Amino acid sequence: MKASIILNTTPEKALLGMFMKHFVSVLDLIECPEKATNYLIDEKLGDMINYCILLEACFRERLEERLED
């Protein structure tokens, strides 16, 4: 994952950073629900779901690598 290389960290930590950016945006929408639009809801929550799926794949890939050793 390119972001993890640029940040010199693990893919999991890079994904967590991306997830947190969207999480903060969702918290902002909770604080000011009048700013919520269908587009923002789809973008922020959809991206958070995608980051969780990618994070799951990272964990499973690392688990498979450990089991192969």
PDB file of N, CA and C in Angstrom:
ATOM      1  N   MET A   1       0.846  -1.173   0.000  1.00  0.00           N
ATOM      2  CA  MET A   1       0.000   0.000   0.000  1.00  0.00           C
ATOM      3  C   MET A   1       0.891   1.235   0.000  1.00  0.00           C
ATOM      4  N   LYS A   2       0.691   2.088  -0.973  1.00  0.00           N
ATOM      5  CA  LYS A   2       1.555   3.241  -1.175  1.00  0.00           C
ATOM      6  C   LYS A   2       1.568   4.186   0.025  1.00  0.00           C
ATOM      7  N   ALA A   3       0.401   4.421   0.640  1.00  0.00           N
ATOM      8  CA  ALA A   3       0.335   5.334   1.793  1.00  0.00           C
ATOM      9  C   ALA A   3       1.216   4.854   2.935  1.00  0.00           C
ATOM     10  N   SER A   4       1.247   3.553   3.174  1.00  0.00           N
ATOM     11  CA  SER A   4       2.072   3.034   4.268  1.00  0.00           C
ATOM     12  C   SER A   4       3.559   3.211   3.974  1.00  0.00           C
ATOM     13  N   ILE A   5       3.933   3.118   2.707  1.00  0.00           N
ATOM     14  CA  ILE A   5       5.330   3.327   2.326  1.00  0.00           C
ATOM     15  C   ILE A   5       5.712   4.794   2.527  1.00  0.00           C
ATOM     16  N   ILE A   6       4.854   5.689   2.067  1.00  0.00           N
ATOM     17  CA  ILE A   6       5.115   7.124   2.212  1.00  0.00           C
ATOM     18  C   ILE A   6       5.202   7.510   3.682  1.00  0.00           C
ATOM     19  N   LEU A   7       4.312   6.960   4.500  1.00  0.00           N
ATOM     20  CA  LEU A   7       4.284   7.290   5.926  1.00  0.00           C
ATOM     21  C   LEU A   7       5.262   6.453   6.750  1.00  0.00           C
ATOM     22  N   ASN A   8       5.928   5.508   6.093  1.00  0.00           N
ATOM     23  CA  ASN A   8       6.867   4.615   6.774  1.00  0.00           C
ATOM     24  C   ASN A   8       6.195   3.901   7.959  1.00  0.00           C
ATOM     25  N   THR A   9       5.063   3.290   7.667  1.00  0.00           N
ATOM     26  CA  THR A   9       4.308   2.577   8.695  1.00  0.00           C
ATOM     27  C   THR A   9       3.682   1.340   8.080  1.00  0.00           C
ATOM     28  N   THR A  10       2.893   0.636   8.856  1.00  0.00           N
ATOM     29  CA  THR A  10       2.230  -0.568   8.354  1.00  0.00           C
ATOM     30  C   THR A  10       0.977  -0.190   7.559  1.00  0.00           C
ATOM     31  N   PRO A  11       0.545  -1.060   6.663  1.00  0.00           N
ATOM     32  CA  PRO A  11      -0.706  -0.810   5.956  1.00  0.00           C
ATOM     33  C   PRO A  11      -1.887  -0.627   6.921  1.00  0.00           C
ATOM     34  N   GLU A  12      -1.882  -1.392   8.010  1.00  0.00           N
ATOM     35  CA  GLU A  12      -2.978  -1.294   8.981  1.00  0.00           C
ATOM     36  C   GLU A  12      -3.036   0.099   9.612  1.00  0.00           C
ATOM     37  N   LYS A  13      -1.876   0.636   9.973  1.00  0.00           N
ATOM     38  CA  LYS A  13      -1.858   1.968  10.585  1.00  0.00           C
ATOM     39  C   LYS A  13      -2.230   3.046   9.570  1.00  0.00           C
ATOM     40  N   ALA A  14      -1.804   2.878   8.335  1.00  0.00           N
ATOM     41  CA  ALA A  14      -2.185   3.837   7.292  1.00  0.00           C
ATOM     42  C   ALA A  14      -3.700   3.814   7.078  1.00  0.00           C
ATOM     43  N   LEU A  15      -4.283   2.620   7.021  1.00  0.00           N
ATOM     44  CA  LEU A  15      -5.736   2.506   6.863  1.00  0.00           C
ATOM     45  C   LEU A  15      -6.465   3.110   8.058  1.00  0.00           C
ATOM     46  N   LEU A  16      -5.935   2.905   9.246  1.00  0.00           N
ATOM     47  CA  LEU A  16      -6.561   3.479  10.439  1.00  0.00           C
ATOM     48  C   LEU A  16      -6.580   5.003  10.353  1.00  0.00           C
ATOM     49  N   GLY A  17      -5.496   5.594   9.865  1.00  0.00           N
ATOM     50  CA  GLY A  17      -5.460   7.045   9.701  1.00  0.00           C
ATOM     51  C   GLY A  17      -6.520   7.531   8.729  1.00  0.00           C
ATOM     52  N   MET A  18      -6.686   6.821   7.627  1.00  0.00           N
ATOM     53  CA  MET A  18      -7.711   7.184   6.640  1.00  0.00           C
ATOM     54  C   MET A  18      -9.106   7.008   7.228  1.00  0.00           C
ATOM     55  N   PHE A  19      -9.293   5.924   7.970  1.00  0.00           N
ATOM     56  CA  PHE A  19     -10.572   5.666   8.628  1.00  0.00           C
ATOM     57  C   PHE A  19     -10.906   6.789   9.610  1.00  0.00           C
ATOM     58  N   MET A  20      -9.911   7.180  10.399  1.00  0.00           N
ATOM     59  CA  MET A  20     -10.144   8.202  11.434  1.00  0.00           C
ATOM     60  C   MET A  20     -10.526   9.542  10.824  1.00  0.00           C
ATOM     61  N   LYS A  21      -9.959   9.869   9.666  1.00  0.00           N
ATOM     62  CA  LYS A  21     -10.322  11.113   8.977  1.00  0.00           C
ATOM     63  C   LYS A  21     -11.822  11.137   8.696  1.00  0.00           C
ATOM     64  N   HIS A  22     -12.337  10.019   8.200  1.00  0.00           N
ATOM     65  CA  HIS A  22     -13.767   9.942   7.906  1.00  0.00           C
ATOM     66  C   HIS A  22     -14.595   9.852   9.188  1.00  0.00           C
ATOM     67  N   PHE A  23     -14.064   9.183  10.194  1.00  0.00           N
ATOM     68  CA  PHE A  23     -14.760   9.074  11.472  1.00  0.00           C
ATOM     69  C   PHE A  23     -14.981  10.454  12.081  1.00  0.00           C
ATOM     70  N   VAL A  24     -13.956  11.297  12.024  1.00  0.00           N
ATOM     71  CA  VAL A  24     -14.084  12.666  12.539  1.00  0.00           C
ATOM     72  C   VAL A  24     -15.156  13.423  11.755  1.00  0.00           C
ATOM     73  N   SER A  25     -15.202  13.209  10.447  1.00  0.00           N
ATOM     74  CA  SER A  25     -16.242  13.855   9.636  1.00  0.00           C
ATOM     75  C   SER A  25     -17.638  13.398  10.043  1.00  0.00           C
ATOM     76  N   VAL A  26     -17.771  12.114  10.368  1.00  0.00           N
ATOM     77  CA  VAL A  26     -19.065  11.596  10.819  1.00  0.00           C
ATOM     78  C   VAL A  26     -19.424  12.201  12.179  1.00  0.00           C
ATOM     79  N   LEU A  27     -18.453  12.333  13.063  1.00  0.00           N
ATOM     80  CA  LEU A  27     -18.712  12.988  14.352  1.00  0.00           C
ATOM     81  C   LEU A  27     -19.186  14.423  14.136  1.00  0.00           C
ATOM     82  N   ASP A  28     -18.587  15.105  13.175  1.00  0.00           N
ATOM     83  CA  ASP A  28     -19.024  16.470  12.851  1.00  0.00           C
ATOM     84  C   ASP A  28     -20.476  16.477  12.376  1.00  0.00           C
ATOM     85  N   LEU A  29     -20.853  15.484  11.577  1.00  0.00           N
ATOM     86  CA  LEU A  29     -22.242  15.398  11.114  1.00  0.00           C
ATOM     87  C   LEU A  29     -23.203  15.109  12.270  1.00  0.00           C
ATOM     88  N   ILE A  30     -22.738  14.344  13.232  1.00  0.00           N
ATOM     89  CA  ILE A  30     -23.563  14.058  14.410  1.00  0.00           C
ATOM     90  C   ILE A  30     -23.770  15.335  15.218  1.00  0.00           C
ATOM     91  N   GLU A  31     -22.715  16.147  15.327  1.00  0.00           N
ATOM     92  CA  GLU A  31     -22.800  17.409  16.071  1.00  0.00           C
ATOM     93  C   GLU A  31     -23.648  18.445  15.341  1.00  0.00           C
ATOM     94  N   CYS A  32     -23.602  18.421  14.009  1.00  0.00           N
ATOM     95  CA  CYS A  32     -24.366  19.380  13.193  1.00  0.00           C
ATOM     96  C   CYS A  32     -25.150  18.622  12.127  1.00  0.00           C
ATOM     97  N   PRO A  33     -26.215  17.926  12.530  1.00  0.00           N
ATOM     98  CA  PRO A  33     -26.942  17.084  11.571  1.00  0.00           C
ATOM     99  C   PRO A  33     -27.527  17.858  10.388  1.00  0.00           C
ATOM    100  N   GLU A  34     -27.700  19.154  10.535  1.00  0.00           N
ATOM    101  CA  GLU A  34     -28.242  19.952   9.421  1.00  0.00           C
ATOM    102  C   GLU A  34     -27.263  20.032   8.247  1.00  0.00           C
ATOM    103  N   LYS A  35     -25.996  19.706   8.467  1.00  0.00           N
ATOM    104  CA  LYS A  35     -24.997  19.706   7.395  1.00  0.00           C
ATOM    105  C   LYS A  35     -24.972  18.394   6.614  1.00  0.00           C
ATOM    106  N   ALA A  36     -25.674  17.392   7.110  1.00  0.00           N
ATOM    107  CA  ALA A  36     -25.674  16.081   6.455  1.00  0.00           C
ATOM    108  C   ALA A  36     -26.425  16.147   5.129  1.00  0.00           C
ATOM    109  N   THR A  37     -25.819  15.546   4.126  1.00  0.00           N
ATOM    110  CA  THR A  37     -26.467  15.379   2.823  1.00  0.00           C
ATOM    111  C   THR A  37     -26.347  13.904   2.452  1.00  0.00           C
ATOM    112  N   ASN A  38     -27.150  13.490   1.494  1.00  0.00           N
ATOM    113  CA  ASN A  38     -27.035  12.106   1.035  1.00  0.00           C
ATOM    114  C   ASN A  38     -25.628  11.822   0.536  1.00  0.00           C
ATOM    115  N   TYR A  39     -25.046  12.779  -0.172  1.00  0.00           N
ATOM    116  CA  TYR A  39     -23.687  12.598  -0.692  1.00  0.00           C
ATOM    117  C   TYR A  39     -22.687  12.395   0.451  1.00  0.00           C
ATOM    118  N   LEU A  40     -22.713  13.263   1.465  1.00  0.00           N
ATOM    119  CA  LEU A  40     -21.772  13.145   2.583  1.00  0.00           C
ATOM    120  C   LEU A  40     -21.954  11.844   3.351  1.00  0.00           C
ATOM    121  N   ILE A  41     -23.198  11.462   3.581  1.00  0.00           N
ATOM    122  CA  ILE A  41     -23.473  10.205   4.288  1.00  0.00           C
ATOM    123  C   ILE A  41     -22.897   9.033   3.509  1.00  0.00           C
ATOM    124  N   ASP A  42     -23.178   8.996   2.204  1.00  0.00           N
ATOM    125  CA  ASP A  42     -22.663   7.909   1.364  1.00  0.00           C
ATOM    126  C   ASP A  42     -21.140   7.903   1.327  1.00  0.00           C
ATOM    127  N   GLU A  43     -20.547   9.084   1.162  1.00  0.00           N
ATOM    128  CA  GLU A  43     -19.093   9.158   1.042  1.00  0.00           C
ATOM    129  C   GLU A  43     -18.402   8.755   2.336  1.00  0.00           C
ATOM    130  N   LYS A  44     -18.768   9.386   3.432  1.00  0.00           N
ATOM    131  CA  LYS A  44     -18.055   9.159   4.696  1.00  0.00           C
ATOM    132  C   LYS A  44     -18.286   7.752   5.235  1.00  0.00           C
ATOM    133  N   LEU A  45     -19.538   7.318   5.319  1.00  0.00           N
ATOM    134  CA  LEU A  45     -19.816   5.985   5.856  1.00  0.00           C
ATOM    135  C   LEU A  45     -19.390   4.893   4.885  1.00  0.00           C
ATOM    136  N   GLY A  46     -19.579   5.132   3.599  1.00  0.00           N
ATOM    137  CA  GLY A  46     -19.157   4.150   2.600  1.00  0.00           C
ATOM    138  C   GLY A  46     -17.652   3.938   2.634  1.00  0.00           C
ATOM    139  N   ASP A  47     -16.902   5.033   2.737  1.00  0.00           N
ATOM    140  CA  ASP A  47     -15.447   4.906   2.814  1.00  0.00           C
ATOM    141  C   ASP A  47     -15.026   4.213   4.100  1.00  0.00           C
ATOM    142  N   MET A  48     -15.688   4.515   5.215  1.00  0.00           N
ATOM    143  CA  MET A  48     -15.350   3.838   6.476  1.00  0.00           C
ATOM    144  C   MET A  48     -15.570   2.331   6.358  1.00  0.00           C
ATOM    145  N   ILE A  49     -16.663   1.945   5.734  1.00  0.00           N
ATOM    146  CA  ILE A  49     -16.942   0.514   5.520  1.00  0.00           C
ATOM    147  C   ILE A  49     -15.842  -0.107   4.668  1.00  0.00           C
ATOM    148  N   ASN A  50     -15.445   0.592   3.597  1.00  0.00           N
ATOM    149  CA  ASN A  50     -14.392   0.076   2.724  1.00  0.00           C
ATOM    150  C   ASN A  50     -13.068  -0.060   3.462  1.00  0.00           C
ATOM    151  N   TYR A  51     -12.736   0.911   4.304  1.00  0.00           N
ATOM    152  CA  TYR A  51     -11.494   0.816   5.070  1.00  0.00           C
ATOM    153  C   TYR A  51     -11.541  -0.365   6.037  1.00  0.00           C
ATOM    154  N   CYS A  52     -12.690  -0.640   6.614  1.00  0.00           N
ATOM    155  CA  CYS A  52     -12.819  -1.806   7.493  1.00  0.00           C
ATOM    156  C   CYS A  52     -12.620  -3.101   6.719  1.00  0.00           C
ATOM    157  N   ILE A  53     -13.162  -3.164   5.520  1.00  0.00           N
ATOM    158  CA  ILE A  53     -12.989  -4.357   4.688  1.00  0.00           C
ATOM    159  C   ILE A  53     -11.523  -4.532   4.317  1.00  0.00           C
ATOM    160  N   LEU A  54     -10.856  -3.443   3.945  1.00  0.00           N
ATOM    161  CA  LEU A  54      -9.429  -3.515   3.617  1.00  0.00           C
ATOM    162  C   LEU A  54      -8.598  -3.904   4.836  1.00  0.00           C
ATOM    163  N   LEU A  55      -8.959  -3.367   5.988  1.00  0.00           N
ATOM    164  CA  LEU A  55      -8.245  -3.715   7.214  1.00  0.00           C
ATOM    165  C   LEU A  55      -8.423  -5.196   7.540  1.00  0.00           C
ATOM    166  N   GLU A  56      -9.632  -5.701   7.344  1.00  0.00           N
ATOM    167  CA  GLU A  56      -9.873  -7.130   7.556  1.00  0.00           C
ATOM    168  C   GLU A  56      -8.976  -7.958   6.638  1.00  0.00           C
ATOM    169  N   ALA A  57      -8.859  -7.543   5.385  1.00  0.00           N
ATOM    170  CA  ALA A  57      -8.012  -8.267   4.437  1.00  0.00           C
ATOM    171  C   ALA A  57      -6.551  -8.240   4.877  1.00  0.00           C
ATOM    172  N   CYS A  58      -6.095  -7.104   5.400  1.00  0.00           N
ATOM    173  CA  CYS A  58      -4.715  -7.021   5.902  1.00  0.00           C
ATOM    174  C   CYS A  58      -4.501  -8.002   7.049  1.00  0.00           C
ATOM    175  N   PHE A  59      -5.435  -8.033   7.992  1.00  0.00           N
ATOM    176  CA  PHE A  59      -5.310  -8.952   9.126  1.00  0.00           C
ATOM    177  C   PHE A  59      -5.292 -10.402   8.652  1.00  0.00           C
ATOM    178  N   ARG A  60      -6.195 -10.744   7.746  1.00  0.00           N
ATOM    179  CA  ARG A  60      -6.260 -12.125   7.264  1.00  0.00           C
ATOM    180  C   ARG A  60      -4.999 -12.510   6.496  1.00  0.00           C
ATOM    181  N   GLU A  61      -4.459 -11.574   5.716  1.00  0.00           N
ATOM    182  CA  GLU A  61      -3.235 -11.851   4.976  1.00  0.00           C
ATOM    183  C   GLU A  61      -2.073 -12.093   5.938  1.00  0.00           C
ATOM    184  N   ARG A  62      -1.963 -11.274   6.970  1.00  0.00           N
ATOM    185  CA  ARG A  62      -0.898 -11.483   7.970  1.00  0.00           C
ATOM    186  C   ARG A  62      -1.077 -12.796   8.710  1.00  0.00           C
ATOM    187  N   LEU A  63      -2.337 -13.153   9.010  1.00  0.00           N
ATOM    188  CA  LEU A  63      -2.615 -14.422   9.692  1.00  0.00           C
ATOM    189  C   LEU A  63      -2.204 -15.588   8.806  1.00  0.00           C
ATOM    190  N   GLU A  64      -2.549 -15.530   7.536  1.00  0.00           N
ATOM    191  CA  GLU A  64      -2.160 -16.595   6.597  1.00  0.00           C
ATOM    192  C   GLU A  64      -0.645 -16.719   6.518  1.00  0.00           C
ATOM    193  N   GLU A  65       0.052 -15.586   6.472  1.00  0.00           N
ATOM    194  CA  GLU A  65       1.522 -15.621   6.408  1.00  0.00           C
ATOM    195  C   GLU A  65       2.094 -16.279   7.665  1.00  0.00           C
ATOM    196  N   ARG A  66       1.520 -15.976   8.840  1.00  0.00           N
ATOM    197  CA  ARG A  66       1.991 -16.592  10.081  1.00  0.00           C
ATOM    198  C   ARG A  66       1.748 -18.082  10.094  1.00  0.00           C
ATOM    199  N   LEU A  67       0.597 -18.508   9.578  1.00  0.00           N
ATOM    200  CA  LEU A  67       0.255 -19.918   9.580  1.00  0.00           C
ATOM    201  C   LEU A  67       1.117 -20.712   8.604  1.00  0.00           C
ATOM    202  N   GLU A  68       1.620 -20.038   7.555  1.00  0.00           N
ATOM    203  CA  GLU A  68       2.471 -20.706   6.581  1.00  0.00           C
ATOM    204  C   GLU A  68       3.865 -20.942   7.126  1.00  0.00           C
ATOM    205  N   ASP A  69       4.287 -20.127   8.084  1.00  0.00           N
ATOM    206  CA  ASP A  69       5.649 -20.257   8.650  1.00  0.00           C
ATOM    207  C   ASP A  69       5.772 -21.432   9.571  1.00  0.00           C
TER     208      ASP A  69
END
